[in-house]
PDB file of N, CA and C in Angstrom:
ATOM      1  N   MET A   1      16.514 -19.143  -2.994  1.00  0.00           N
ATOM      2  CA  MET A   1      15.740 -19.088  -1.764  1.00  0.00           C
ATOM      3  C   MET A   1      14.797 -20.290  -1.740  1.00  0.00           C
ATOM      4  N   ARG A   2      14.804 -21.041  -0.662  1.00  0.00           N
ATOM      5  CA  ARG A   2      13.935 -22.207  -0.613  1.00  0.00           C
ATOM      6  C   ARG A   2      12.643 -21.885   0.118  1.00  0.00           C
ATOM      7  N   ARG A   3      11.624 -22.697  -0.128  1.00  0.00           N
ATOM      8  CA  ARG A   3      10.314 -22.457   0.450  1.00  0.00           C
ATOM      9  C   ARG A   3      10.178 -23.168   1.786  1.00  0.00           C
ATOM     10  N   LEU A   4       9.374 -22.583   2.671  1.00  0.00           N
ATOM     11  CA  LEU A   4       9.080 -23.203   3.954  1.00  0.00           C
ATOM     12  C   LEU A   4       8.120 -24.363   3.753  1.00  0.00           C
ATOM     13  N   MET A   5       8.424 -25.465   4.352  1.00  0.00           N
ATOM     14  CA  MET A   5       7.507 -26.592   4.332  1.00  0.00           C
ATOM     15  C   MET A   5       6.562 -26.431   5.519  1.00  0.00           C
ATOM     16  N   GLU A   6       5.439 -27.139   5.496  1.00  0.00           N
ATOM     17  CA  GLU A   6       4.426 -26.971   6.536  1.00  0.00           C
ATOM     18  C   GLU A   6       5.004 -27.219   7.929  1.00  0.00           C
ATOM     19  N   GLY A   7       5.759 -28.298   8.110  1.00  0.00           N
ATOM     20  CA  GLY A   7       6.346 -28.595   9.413  1.00  0.00           C
ATOM     21  C   GLY A   7       7.289 -27.509   9.882  1.00  0.00           C
ATOM     22  N   GLU A   8       8.031 -26.916   8.937  1.00  0.00           N
ATOM     23  CA  GLU A   8       8.956 -25.841   9.287  1.00  0.00           C
ATOM     24  C   GLU A   8       8.201 -24.595   9.744  1.00  0.00           C
ATOM     25  N   ALA A   9       7.061 -24.333   9.126  1.00  0.00           N
ATOM     26  CA  ALA A   9       6.267 -23.168   9.539  1.00  0.00           C
ATOM     27  C   ALA A   9       5.789 -23.360  10.971  1.00  0.00           C
ATOM     28  N   TYR A  10       5.313 -24.570  11.296  1.00  0.00           N
ATOM     29  CA  TYR A  10       4.896 -24.837  12.665  1.00  0.00           C
ATOM     30  C   TYR A  10       6.071 -24.676  13.620  1.00  0.00           C
ATOM     31  N   GLN A  11       7.242 -25.200  13.237  1.00  0.00           N
ATOM     32  CA  GLN A  11       8.419 -25.111  14.092  1.00  0.00           C
ATOM     33  C   GLN A  11       8.843 -23.660  14.268  1.00  0.00           C
ATOM     34  N   LEU A  12       8.821 -22.901  13.187  1.00  0.00           N
ATOM     35  CA  LEU A  12       9.175 -21.488  13.246  1.00  0.00           C
ATOM     36  C   LEU A  12       8.275 -20.760  14.233  1.00  0.00           C
ATOM     37  N   MET A  13       6.985 -21.004  14.155  1.00  0.00           N
ATOM     38  CA  MET A  13       6.049 -20.346  15.063  1.00  0.00           C
ATOM     39  C   MET A  13       6.259 -20.823  16.496  1.00  0.00           C
ATOM     40  N   GLY A  14       6.503 -22.112  16.675  1.00  0.00           N
ATOM     41  CA  GLY A  14       6.735 -22.642  18.015  1.00  0.00           C
ATOM     42  C   GLY A  14       7.992 -22.065  18.638  1.00  0.00           C
ATOM     43  N   ASN A  15       9.047 -21.928  17.862  1.00  0.00           N
ATOM     44  CA  ASN A  15      10.304 -21.374  18.357  1.00  0.00           C
ATOM     45  C   ASN A  15      10.172 -19.900  18.715  1.00  0.00           C
ATOM     46  N   ALA A  16       9.220 -19.225  18.103  1.00  0.00           N
ATOM     47  CA  ALA A  16       9.008 -17.809  18.400  1.00  0.00           C
ATOM     48  C   ALA A  16       8.237 -17.635  19.713  1.00  0.00           C
ATOM     49  N   GLY A  17       7.760 -18.721  20.286  1.00  0.00           N
ATOM     50  CA  GLY A  17       7.098 -18.651  21.588  1.00  0.00           C
ATOM     51  C   GLY A  17       5.601 -18.493  21.506  1.00  0.00           C
ATOM     52  N   PHE A  18       5.001 -18.696  20.352  1.00  0.00           N
ATOM     53  CA  PHE A  18       3.553 -18.611  20.235  1.00  0.00           C
ATOM     54  C   PHE A  18       3.072 -19.610  19.206  1.00  0.00           C
ATOM     55  N   GLN A  19       1.817 -19.913  19.252  1.00  0.00           N
ATOM     56  CA  GLN A  19       1.210 -20.852  18.318  1.00  0.00           C
ATOM     57  C   GLN A  19       0.174 -20.120  17.474  1.00  0.00           C
ATOM     58  N   LEU A  20       0.077 -20.496  16.216  1.00  0.00           N
ATOM     59  CA  LEU A  20      -0.940 -19.948  15.338  1.00  0.00           C
ATOM     60  C   LEU A  20      -2.061 -20.960  15.195  1.00  0.00           C
ATOM     61  N   ASP A  21      -3.295 -20.469  15.161  1.00  0.00           N
ATOM     62  CA  ASP A  21      -4.390 -21.383  14.892  1.00  0.00           C
ATOM     63  C   ASP A  21      -4.361 -21.745  13.411  1.00  0.00           C
ATOM     64  N   GLY A  22      -5.190 -22.705  13.018  1.00  0.00           N
ATOM     65  CA  GLY A  22      -5.176 -23.202  11.650  1.00  0.00           C
ATOM     66  C   GLY A  22      -5.420 -22.124  10.617  1.00  0.00           C
ATOM     67  N   LYS A  23      -6.371 -21.243  10.887  1.00  0.00           N
ATOM     68  CA  LYS A  23      -6.713 -20.176   9.940  1.00  0.00           C
ATOM     69  C   LYS A  23      -5.534 -19.214   9.775  1.00  0.00           C
ATOM     70  N   ALA A  24      -4.910 -18.847  10.886  1.00  0.00           N
ATOM     71  CA  ALA A  24      -3.780 -17.923  10.830  1.00  0.00           C
ATOM     72  C   ALA A  24      -2.599 -18.564  10.101  1.00  0.00           C
ATOM     73  N   LEU A  25      -2.370 -19.845  10.341  1.00  0.00           N
ATOM     74  CA  LEU A  25      -1.274 -20.536   9.669  1.00  0.00           C
ATOM     75  C   LEU A  25      -1.523 -20.611   8.167  1.00  0.00           C
ATOM     76  N   GLN A  26      -2.774 -20.859   7.773  1.00  0.00           N
ATOM     77  CA  GLN A  26      -3.102 -20.891   6.344  1.00  0.00           C
ATOM     78  C   GLN A  26      -2.857 -19.529   5.700  1.00  0.00           C
ATOM     79  N   MET A  27      -3.234 -18.457   6.389  1.00  0.00           N
ATOM     80  CA  MET A  27      -3.007 -17.106   5.886  1.00  0.00           C
ATOM     81  C   MET A  27      -1.507 -16.839   5.746  1.00  0.00           C
ATOM     82  N   PHE A  28      -0.752 -17.264   6.741  1.00  0.00           N
ATOM     83  CA  PHE A  28       0.698 -17.104   6.749  1.00  0.00           C
ATOM     84  C   PHE A  28       1.311 -17.825   5.552  1.00  0.00           C
ATOM     85  N   GLN A  29       0.916 -19.084   5.352  1.00  0.00           N
ATOM     86  CA  GLN A  29       1.456 -19.875   4.246  1.00  0.00           C
ATOM     87  C   GLN A  29       1.034 -19.303   2.893  1.00  0.00           C
ATOM     88  N   LYS A  30      -0.227 -18.895   2.773  1.00  0.00           N
ATOM     89  CA  LYS A  30      -0.730 -18.334   1.518  1.00  0.00           C
ATOM     90  C   LYS A  30       0.051 -17.074   1.152  1.00  0.00           C
ATOM     91  N   SER A  31       0.292 -16.214   2.144  1.00  0.00           N
ATOM     92  CA  SER A  31       1.035 -14.973   1.888  1.00  0.00           C
ATOM     93  C   SER A  31       2.450 -15.278   1.421  1.00  0.00           C
ATOM     94  N   PHE A  32       3.111 -16.224   2.078  1.00  0.00           N
ATOM     95  CA  PHE A  32       4.474 -16.545   1.682  1.00  0.00           C
ATOM     96  C   PHE A  32       4.528 -17.205   0.310  1.00  0.00           C
ATOM     97  N   LEU A  33       3.527 -17.996  -0.030  1.00  0.00           N
ATOM     98  CA  LEU A  33       3.484 -18.574  -1.376  1.00  0.00           C
ATOM     99  C   LEU A  33       3.306 -17.486  -2.428  1.00  0.00           C
ATOM    100  N   GLN A  34       2.456 -16.501  -2.141  1.00  0.00           N
ATOM    101  CA  GLN A  34       2.274 -15.383  -3.071  1.00  0.00           C
ATOM    102  C   GLN A  34       3.570 -14.594  -3.224  1.00  0.00           C
ATOM    103  N   VAL A  35       4.241 -14.336  -2.112  1.00  0.00           N
ATOM    104  CA  VAL A  35       5.506 -13.597  -2.155  1.00  0.00           C
ATOM    105  C   VAL A  35       6.534 -14.389  -2.960  1.00  0.00           C
ATOM    106  N   GLN A  36       6.637 -15.687  -2.681  1.00  0.00           N
ATOM    107  CA  GLN A  36       7.618 -16.513  -3.383  1.00  0.00           C
ATOM    108  C   GLN A  36       7.338 -16.535  -4.884  1.00  0.00           C
ATOM    109  N   SER A  37       6.068 -16.621  -5.255  1.00  0.00           N
ATOM    110  CA  SER A  37       5.690 -16.621  -6.666  1.00  0.00           C
ATOM    111  C   SER A  37       6.087 -15.306  -7.338  1.00  0.00           C
ATOM    112  N   LEU A  38       5.821 -14.200  -6.664  1.00  0.00           N
ATOM    113  CA  LEU A  38       6.206 -12.889  -7.212  1.00  0.00           C
ATOM    114  C   LEU A  38       7.725 -12.757  -7.338  1.00  0.00           C
ATOM    115  N   LEU A  39       8.451 -13.232  -6.330  1.00  0.00           N
ATOM    116  CA  LEU A  39       9.911 -13.146  -6.383  1.00  0.00           C
ATOM    117  C   LEU A  39      10.478 -14.013  -7.502  1.00  0.00           C
ATOM    118  N   ASP A  40       9.887 -15.197  -7.702  1.00  0.00           N
ATOM    119  CA  ASP A  40      10.315 -16.067  -8.802  1.00  0.00           C
ATOM    120  C   ASP A  40      10.069 -15.376 -10.149  1.00  0.00           C
ATOM    121  N   HIS A  41       8.896 -14.756 -10.277  1.00  0.00           N
ATOM    122  CA  HIS A  41       8.569 -14.047 -11.517  1.00  0.00           C
ATOM    123  C   HIS A  41       9.500 -12.844 -11.716  1.00  0.00           C
ATOM    124  N   ASN A  42       9.818 -12.156 -10.627  1.00  0.00           N
ATOM    125  CA  ASN A  42      10.742 -11.015 -10.721  1.00  0.00           C
ATOM    126  C   ASN A  42      12.114 -11.460 -11.217  1.00  0.00           C
ATOM    127  N   ARG A  43      12.556 -12.623 -10.780  1.00  0.00           N
ATOM    128  CA  ARG A  43      13.853 -13.139 -11.232  1.00  0.00           C
ATOM    129  C   ARG A  43      13.839 -13.319 -12.756  1.00  0.00           C
ATOM    130  N   ILE A  44      12.735 -13.844 -13.274  1.00  0.00           N
ATOM    131  CA  ILE A  44      12.599 -14.029 -14.729  1.00  0.00           C
ATOM    132  C   ILE A  44      12.590 -12.669 -15.440  1.00  0.00           C
ATOM    133  N   LEU A  45      11.829 -11.717 -14.874  1.00  0.00           N
ATOM    134  CA  LEU A  45      11.776 -10.373 -15.463  1.00  0.00           C
ATOM    135  C   LEU A  45      13.160  -9.731 -15.493  1.00  0.00           C
ATOM    136  N   ILE A  46      13.893  -9.834 -14.406  1.00  0.00           N
ATOM    137  CA  ILE A  46      15.226  -9.222 -14.322  1.00  0.00           C
ATOM    138  C   ILE A  46      16.161  -9.837 -15.361  1.00  0.00           C
ATOM    139  N   ASN A  47      16.090 -11.154 -15.513  1.00  0.00           N
ATOM    140  CA  ASN A  47      16.933 -11.800 -16.526  1.00  0.00           C
ATOM    141  C   ASN A  47      16.595 -11.298 -17.928  1.00  0.00           C
ATOM    142  N   GLU A  48      15.293 -11.177 -18.210  1.00  0.00           N
ATOM    143  CA  GLU A  48      14.882 -10.680 -19.532  1.00  0.00           C
ATOM    144  C   GLU A  48      15.303  -9.226 -19.725  1.00  0.00           C
ATOM    145  N   ILE A  49      15.140  -8.406 -18.686  1.00  0.00           N
ATOM    146  CA  ILE A  49      15.565  -6.998 -18.760  1.00  0.00           C
ATOM    147  C   ILE A  49      17.062  -6.916 -19.056  1.00  0.00           C
ATOM    148  N   ASN A  50      17.851  -7.738 -18.366  1.00  0.00           N
ATOM    149  CA  ASN A  50      19.305  -7.731 -18.581  1.00  0.00           C
ATOM    150  C   ASN A  50      19.668  -8.175 -19.996  1.00  0.00           C
ATOM    151  N   GLN A  51      18.985  -9.209 -20.489  1.00  0.00           N
ATOM    152  CA  GLN A  51      19.257  -9.680 -21.854  1.00  0.00           C
ATOM    153  C   GLN A  51      18.904  -8.602 -22.879  1.00  0.00           C
ATOM    154  N   ASN A  52      17.752  -7.963 -22.679  1.00  0.00           N
ATOM    155  CA  ASN A  52      17.350  -6.891 -23.591  1.00  0.00           C
ATOM    156  C   ASN A  52      18.348  -5.735 -23.568  1.00  0.00           C
ATOM    157  N   HIS A  53      18.807  -5.397 -22.384  1.00  0.00           N
ATOM    158  CA  HIS A  53      19.771  -4.298 -22.244  1.00  0.00           C
ATOM    159  C   HIS A  53      21.078  -4.643 -22.957  1.00  0.00           C
ATOM    160  N   ASP A  54      21.538  -5.874 -22.732  1.00  0.00           N
ATOM    161  CA  ASP A  54      22.798  -6.303 -23.349  1.00  0.00           C
ATOM    162  C   ASP A  54      22.703  -6.358 -24.874  1.00  0.00           C
ATOM    163  N   SER A  55      21.512  -6.659 -25.393  1.00  0.00           N
ATOM    164  CA  SER A  55      21.340  -6.778 -26.853  1.00  0.00           C
ATOM    165  C   SER A  55      21.447  -5.425 -27.561  1.00  0.00           C
ATOM    166  N   LYS A  56      21.090  -4.350 -26.875  1.00  0.00           N
ATOM    167  CA  LYS A  56      21.103  -2.980 -27.412  1.00  0.00           C
ATOM    168  C   LYS A  56      20.208  -2.819 -28.645  1.00  0.00           C
ATOM    169  N   ILE A  57      19.300  -3.764 -28.845  1.00  0.00           N
ATOM    170  CA  ILE A  57      18.343  -3.677 -29.948  1.00  0.00           C
ATOM    171  C   ILE A  57      17.225  -2.731 -29.513  1.00  0.00           C
ATOM    172  N   PRO A  58      16.909  -1.720 -30.333  1.00  0.00           N
ATOM    173  CA  PRO A  58      15.918  -0.706 -29.924  1.00  0.00           C
ATOM    174  C   PRO A  58      14.576  -1.292 -29.472  1.00  0.00           C
ATOM    175  N   ASP A  59      14.049  -2.285 -30.193  1.00  0.00           N
ATOM    176  CA  ASP A  59      12.768  -2.885 -29.781  1.00  0.00           C
ATOM    177  C   ASP A  59      12.871  -3.544 -28.401  1.00  0.00           C
ATOM    178  N   ASN A  60      13.990  -4.201 -28.161  1.00  0.00           N
ATOM    179  CA  ASN A  60      14.190  -4.854 -26.855  1.00  0.00           C
ATOM    180  C   ASN A  60      14.316  -3.820 -25.735  1.00  0.00           C
ATOM    181  N   LEU A  61      15.016  -2.732 -26.052  1.00  0.00           N
ATOM    182  CA  LEU A  61      15.186  -1.679 -25.048  1.00  0.00           C
ATOM    183  C   LEU A  61      13.847  -1.025 -24.710  1.00  0.00           C
ATOM    184  N   SER A  62      12.998  -0.823 -25.737  1.00  0.00           N
ATOM    185  CA  SER A  62      11.690  -0.230 -25.423  1.00  0.00           C
ATOM    186  C   SER A  62      10.799  -1.220 -24.695  1.00  0.00           C
ATOM    187  N   ARG A  63      10.970  -2.500 -24.946  1.00  0.00           N
ATOM    188  CA  ARG A  63      10.204  -3.517 -24.204  1.00  0.00           C
ATOM    189  C   ARG A  63      10.557  -3.469 -22.716  1.00  0.00           C
ATOM    190  N   ASN A  64      11.783  -3.085 -22.418  1.00  0.00           N
ATOM    191  CA  ASN A  64      12.217  -3.014 -21.018  1.00  0.00           C
ATOM    192  C   ASN A  64      11.393  -2.034 -20.189  1.00  0.00           C
ATOM    193  N   VAL A  65      10.859  -1.001 -20.831  1.00  0.00           N
ATOM    194  CA  VAL A  65      10.045  -0.018 -20.097  1.00  0.00           C
ATOM    195  C   VAL A  65       8.863  -0.730 -19.437  1.00  0.00           C
ATOM    196  N   GLY A  66       8.164  -1.535 -20.200  1.00  0.00           N
ATOM    197  CA  GLY A  66       7.021  -2.280 -19.649  1.00  0.00           C
ATOM    198  C   GLY A  66       7.449  -3.329 -18.634  1.00  0.00           C
ATOM    199  N   LEU A  67       8.575  -3.997 -18.905  1.00  0.00           N
ATOM    200  CA  LEU A  67       9.062  -5.024 -17.972  1.00  0.00           C
ATOM    201  C   LEU A  67       9.460  -4.398 -16.635  1.00  0.00           C
ATOM    202  N   ILE A  68      10.093  -3.232 -16.692  1.00  0.00           N
ATOM    203  CA  ILE A  68      10.503  -2.551 -15.454  1.00  0.00           C
ATOM    204  C   ILE A  68       9.270  -2.076 -14.680  1.00  0.00           C
ATOM    205  N   ARG A  69       8.243  -1.615 -15.383  1.00  0.00           N
ATOM    206  CA  ARG A  69       6.992  -1.246 -14.699  1.00  0.00           C
ATOM    207  C   ARG A  69       6.388  -2.458 -13.995  1.00  0.00           C
ATOM    208  N   GLU A  70       6.364  -3.579 -14.709  1.00  0.00           N
ATOM    209  CA  GLU A  70       5.822  -4.804 -14.105  1.00  0.00           C
ATOM    210  C   GLU A  70       6.642  -5.210 -12.883  1.00  0.00           C
ATOM    211  N   LEU A  71       7.946  -5.125 -12.999  1.00  0.00           N
ATOM    212  CA  LEU A  71       8.836  -5.442 -11.882  1.00  0.00           C
ATOM    213  C   LEU A  71       8.555  -4.534 -10.685  1.00  0.00           C
ATOM    214  N   ASN A  72       8.419  -3.236 -10.927  1.00  0.00           N
ATOM    215  CA  ASN A  72       8.126  -2.290  -9.841  1.00  0.00           C
ATOM    216  C   ASN A  72       6.782  -2.584  -9.190  1.00  0.00           C
ATOM    217  N   ASN A  73       5.779  -2.900  -9.995  1.00  0.00           N
ATOM    218  CA  ASN A  73       4.466  -3.257  -9.436  1.00  0.00           C
ATOM    219  C   ASN A  73       4.549  -4.517  -8.587  1.00  0.00           C
ATOM    220  N   ASN A  74       5.313  -5.492  -9.051  1.00  0.00           N
ATOM    221  CA  ASN A  74       5.479  -6.724  -8.270  1.00  0.00           C
ATOM    222  C   ASN A  74       6.171  -6.443  -6.939  1.00  0.00           C
ATOM    223  N   ILE A  75       7.152  -5.566  -6.965  1.00  0.00           N
ATOM    224  CA  ILE A  75       7.857  -5.216  -5.724  1.00  0.00           C
ATOM    225  C   ILE A  75       6.893  -4.540  -4.754  1.00  0.00           C
ATOM    226  N   ARG A  76       6.040  -3.647  -5.269  1.00  0.00           N
ATOM    227  CA  ARG A  76       5.028  -3.010  -4.409  1.00  0.00           C
ATOM    228  C   ARG A  76       4.097  -4.053  -3.801  1.00  0.00           C
ATOM    229  N   ARG A  77       3.698  -5.036  -4.608  1.00  0.00           N
ATOM    230  CA  ARG A  77       2.806  -6.091  -4.108  1.00  0.00           C
ATOM    231  C   ARG A  77       3.489  -6.923  -3.015  1.00  0.00           C
ATOM    232  N   VAL A  78       4.780  -7.204  -3.190  1.00  0.00           N
ATOM    233  CA  VAL A  78       5.530  -7.947  -2.166  1.00  0.00           C
ATOM    234  C   VAL A  78       5.568  -7.140  -0.869  1.00  0.00           C
ATOM    235  N   VAL A  79       5.846  -5.856  -0.974  1.00  0.00           N
ATOM    236  CA  VAL A  79       5.876  -4.989   0.214  1.00  0.00           C
ATOM    237  C   VAL A  79       4.509  -4.989   0.897  1.00  0.00           C
ATOM    238  N   ASP A  80       3.440  -4.868   0.108  1.00  0.00           N
ATOM    239  CA  ASP A  80       2.090  -4.877   0.678  1.00  0.00           C
ATOM    240  C   ASP A  80       1.777  -6.210   1.360  1.00  0.00           C
ATOM    241  N   LEU A  81       2.173  -7.311   0.719  1.00  0.00           N
ATOM    242  CA  LEU A  81       1.929  -8.629   1.323  1.00  0.00           C
ATOM    243  C   LEU A  81       2.677  -8.768   2.646  1.00  0.00           C
ATOM    244  N   TYR A  82       3.947  -8.342   2.680  1.00  0.00           N
ATOM    245  CA  TYR A  82       4.714  -8.415   3.924  1.00  0.00           C
ATOM    246  C   TYR A  82       4.118  -7.498   4.992  1.00  0.00           C
ATOM    247  N   SER A  83       3.655  -6.338   4.582  1.00  0.00           N
ATOM    248  CA  SER A  83       3.038  -5.415   5.533  1.00  0.00           C
ATOM    249  C   SER A  83       1.775  -6.025   6.135  1.00  0.00           C
ATOM    250  N   ASP A  84       0.911  -6.568   5.271  1.00  0.00           N
ATOM    251  CA  ASP A  84      -0.309  -7.216   5.757  1.00  0.00           C
ATOM    252  C   ASP A  84       0.015  -8.405   6.652  1.00  0.00           C
ATOM    253  N   LEU A  85       0.998  -9.183   6.236  1.00  0.00           N
ATOM    254  CA  LEU A  85       1.397 -10.350   7.019  1.00  0.00           C
ATOM    255  C   LEU A  85       1.905  -9.935   8.395  1.00  0.00           C
ATOM    256  N   SER A  86       2.724  -8.911   8.420  1.00  0.00           N
ATOM    257  CA  SER A  86       3.256  -8.407   9.685  1.00  0.00           C
ATOM    258  C   SER A  86       2.140  -7.924  10.601  1.00  0.00           C
ATOM    259  N   SER A  87       1.222  -7.180  10.043  1.00  0.00           N
ATOM    260  CA  SER A  87       0.100  -6.659  10.820  1.00  0.00           C
ATOM    261  C   SER A  87      -0.756  -7.797  11.383  1.00  0.00           C
ATOM    262  N   ASN A  88      -1.099  -8.753  10.528  1.00  0.00           N
ATOM    263  CA  ASN A  88      -1.927  -9.879  10.970  1.00  0.00           C
ATOM    264  C   ASN A  88      -1.202 -10.744  11.993  1.00  0.00           C
ATOM    265  N   LEU A  89       0.091 -10.966  11.771  1.00  0.00           N
ATOM    266  CA  LEU A  89       0.861 -11.773  12.701  1.00  0.00           C
ATOM    267  C   LEU A  89       0.973 -11.080  14.053  1.00  0.00           C
ATOM    268  N   SER A  90       1.156  -9.769  14.026  1.00  0.00           N
ATOM    269  CA  SER A  90       1.230  -8.991  15.260  1.00  0.00           C
ATOM    270  C   SER A  90      -0.076  -9.092  16.046  1.00  0.00           C
ATOM    271  N   LYS A  91      -1.199  -8.996  15.327  1.00  0.00           N
ATOM    272  CA  LYS A  91      -2.503  -9.132  15.986  1.00  0.00           C
ATOM    273  C   LYS A  91      -2.649 -10.511  16.611  1.00  0.00           C
ATOM    274  N   ASP A  92      -2.227 -11.566  15.885  1.00  0.00           N
ATOM    275  CA  ASP A  92      -2.338 -12.924  16.406  1.00  0.00           C
ATOM    276  C   ASP A  92      -1.452 -13.133  17.636  1.00  0.00           C
ATOM    277  N   VAL A  93      -0.241 -12.573  17.590  1.00  0.00           N
ATOM    278  CA  VAL A  93       0.671 -12.706  18.727  1.00  0.00           C
ATOM    279  C   VAL A  93       0.103 -11.975  19.935  1.00  0.00           C
ATOM    280  N   ASN A  94      -0.382 -10.749  19.723  1.00  0.00           N
ATOM    281  CA  ASN A  94      -0.959  -9.988  20.829  1.00  0.00           C
ATOM    282  C   ASN A  94      -2.174 -10.693  21.401  1.00  0.00           C
ATOM    283  N   SER A  95      -2.991 -11.265  20.542  1.00  0.00           N
ATOM    284  CA  SER A  95      -4.167 -12.013  20.989  1.00  0.00           C
ATOM    285  C   SER A  95      -3.739 -13.240  21.783  1.00  0.00           C
ATOM    286  N   SER A  96      -2.709 -13.931  21.290  1.00  0.00           N
ATOM    287  CA  SER A  96      -2.202 -15.126  21.967  1.00  0.00           C
ATOM    288  C   SER A  96      -1.628 -14.774  23.340  1.00  0.00           C
ATOM    289  N   GLU A  97      -0.870 -13.660  23.390  1.00  0.00           N
ATOM    290  CA  GLU A  97      -0.304 -13.226  24.672  1.00  0.00           C
ATOM    291  C   GLU A  97      -1.406 -12.829  25.640  1.00  0.00           C
ATOM    292  N   SER A  98      -2.431 -12.160  25.144  1.00  0.00           N
ATOM    293  CA  SER A  98      -3.561 -11.754  25.974  1.00  0.00           C
ATOM    294  C   SER A  98      -4.274 -12.980  26.533  1.00  0.00           C
ATOM    295  N   ASP A  99      -4.490 -13.987  25.682  1.00  0.00           N
ATOM    296  CA  ASP A  99      -5.129 -15.230  26.115  1.00  0.00           C
ATOM    297  C   ASP A  99      -4.283 -15.925  27.177  1.00  0.00           C
ATOM    298  N   SER A 100      -2.950 -15.910  27.001  1.00  0.00           N
ATOM    299  CA  SER A 100      -2.060 -16.543  27.971  1.00  0.00           C
ATOM    300  C   SER A 100      -2.128 -15.840  29.320  1.00  0.00           C
ATOM    301  N   ARG A 101      -2.181 -14.507  29.285  1.00  0.00           N
ATOM    302  CA  ARG A 101      -2.274 -13.759  30.547  1.00  0.00           C
ATOM    303  C   ARG A 101      -3.590 -14.062  31.248  1.00  0.00           C
ATOM    304  N   LEU A 102      -4.663 -14.141  30.461  1.00  0.00           N
ATOM    305  CA  LEU A 102      -5.965 -14.456  31.063  1.00  0.00           C
ATOM    306  C   LEU A 102      -5.945 -15.855  31.679  1.00  0.00           C
ATOM    307  N   ASP A 103      -5.334 -16.812  30.967  1.00  0.00           N
ATOM    308  CA  ASP A 103      -5.227 -18.177  31.494  1.00  0.00           C
ATOM    309  C   ASP A 103      -4.397 -18.206  32.775  1.00  0.00           C
ATOM    310  N   ALA A 104      -3.310 -17.429  32.812  1.00  0.00           N
ATOM    311  CA  ALA A 104      -2.457 -17.388  33.999  1.00  0.00           C
ATOM    312  C   ALA A 104      -3.205 -16.775  35.178  1.00  0.00           C
ATOM    313  N   LYS A 105      -3.990 -15.722  34.919  1.00  0.00           N
ATOM    314  CA  LYS A 105      -4.768 -15.103  35.996  1.00  0.00           C
ATOM    315  C   LYS A 105      -5.816 -16.078  36.521  1.00  0.00           C
ATOM    316  N   ALA A 106      -6.468 -16.785  35.631  1.00  0.00           N
ATOM    317  CA  ALA A 106      -7.489 -17.755  36.046  1.00  0.00           C
ATOM    318  C   ALA A 106      -6.850 -18.864  36.865  1.00  0.00           C
ATOM    319  N   LEU A 107      -5.675 -19.337  36.433  1.00  0.00           N
ATOM    320  CA  LEU A 107      -4.974 -20.388  37.163  1.00  0.00           C
ATOM    321  C   LEU A 107      -4.557 -19.884  38.536  1.00  0.00           C
ATOM    322  N   HIS A 108      -4.059 -18.646  38.605  1.00  0.00           N
ATOM    323  CA  HIS A 108      -3.628 -18.066  39.870  1.00  0.00           C
ATOM    324  C   HIS A 108      -4.810 -17.967  40.842  1.00  0.00           C
ATOM    325  N   LYS A 109      -5.958 -17.577  40.345  1.00  0.00           N
ATOM    326  CA  LYS A 109      -7.129 -17.469  41.199  1.00  0.00           C
ATOM    327  C   LYS A 109      -7.556 -18.835  41.735  1.00  0.00           C
ATOM    328  N   ARG A 110      -7.419 -19.895  40.915  1.00  0.00           N
ATOM    329  CA  ARG A 110      -7.802 -21.232  41.356  1.00  0.00           C
ATOM    330  C   ARG A 110      -6.842 -21.792  42.388  1.00  0.00           C
ATOM    331  N   ILE A 111      -5.557 -21.422  42.287  1.00  0.00           N
ATOM    332  CA  ILE A 111      -4.563 -21.984  43.189  1.00  0.00           C
ATOM    333  C   ILE A 111      -4.528 -21.255  44.524  1.00  0.00           C
ATOM    334  N   ARG A 112      -4.902 -19.993  44.547  1.00  0.00           N
ATOM    335  CA  ARG A 112      -4.821 -19.185  45.752  1.00  0.00           C
ATOM    336  C   ARG A 112      -5.593 -19.854  46.887  1.00  0.00           C
ATOM    337  N   PRO A 113      -4.967 -19.994  48.086  1.00  0.00           N
ATOM    338  CA  PRO A 113      -5.664 -20.596  49.228  1.00  0.00           C
ATOM    339  C   PRO A 113      -6.843 -19.732  49.686  1.00  0.00           C
ATOM    340  N   ALA A 114      -7.847 -20.399  50.208  1.00  0.00           N
ATOM    341  CA  ALA A 114      -9.063 -19.702  50.641  1.00  0.00           C
ATOM    342  C   ALA A 114      -8.885 -19.083  52.004  1.00  0.00           C
TER     343      ALA A 114
END
């Protein structure tokens, strides 16, 4: 999985029909970097869990208990990050749409003949 570059994030938001302010974009990027970091770490954990399982060595198998707990906690954190991101993005989109409607109403009032 490749990471979004800054220009791609702007393009992604533009293609969705709304713009994010600088603060919202930073939050968006920070969340995705955290998610990507957790997913990268999970990949390492899964590889180690698989190696331990394949080895059938009792110490390695018992180590897997802690690794699987860590993996599950990381998955919960990813879900929480996506949930927070979704909620914040939804608020920003709704705010942006509300601002657009207000701008359209103001423009309509200015154009209306007297």
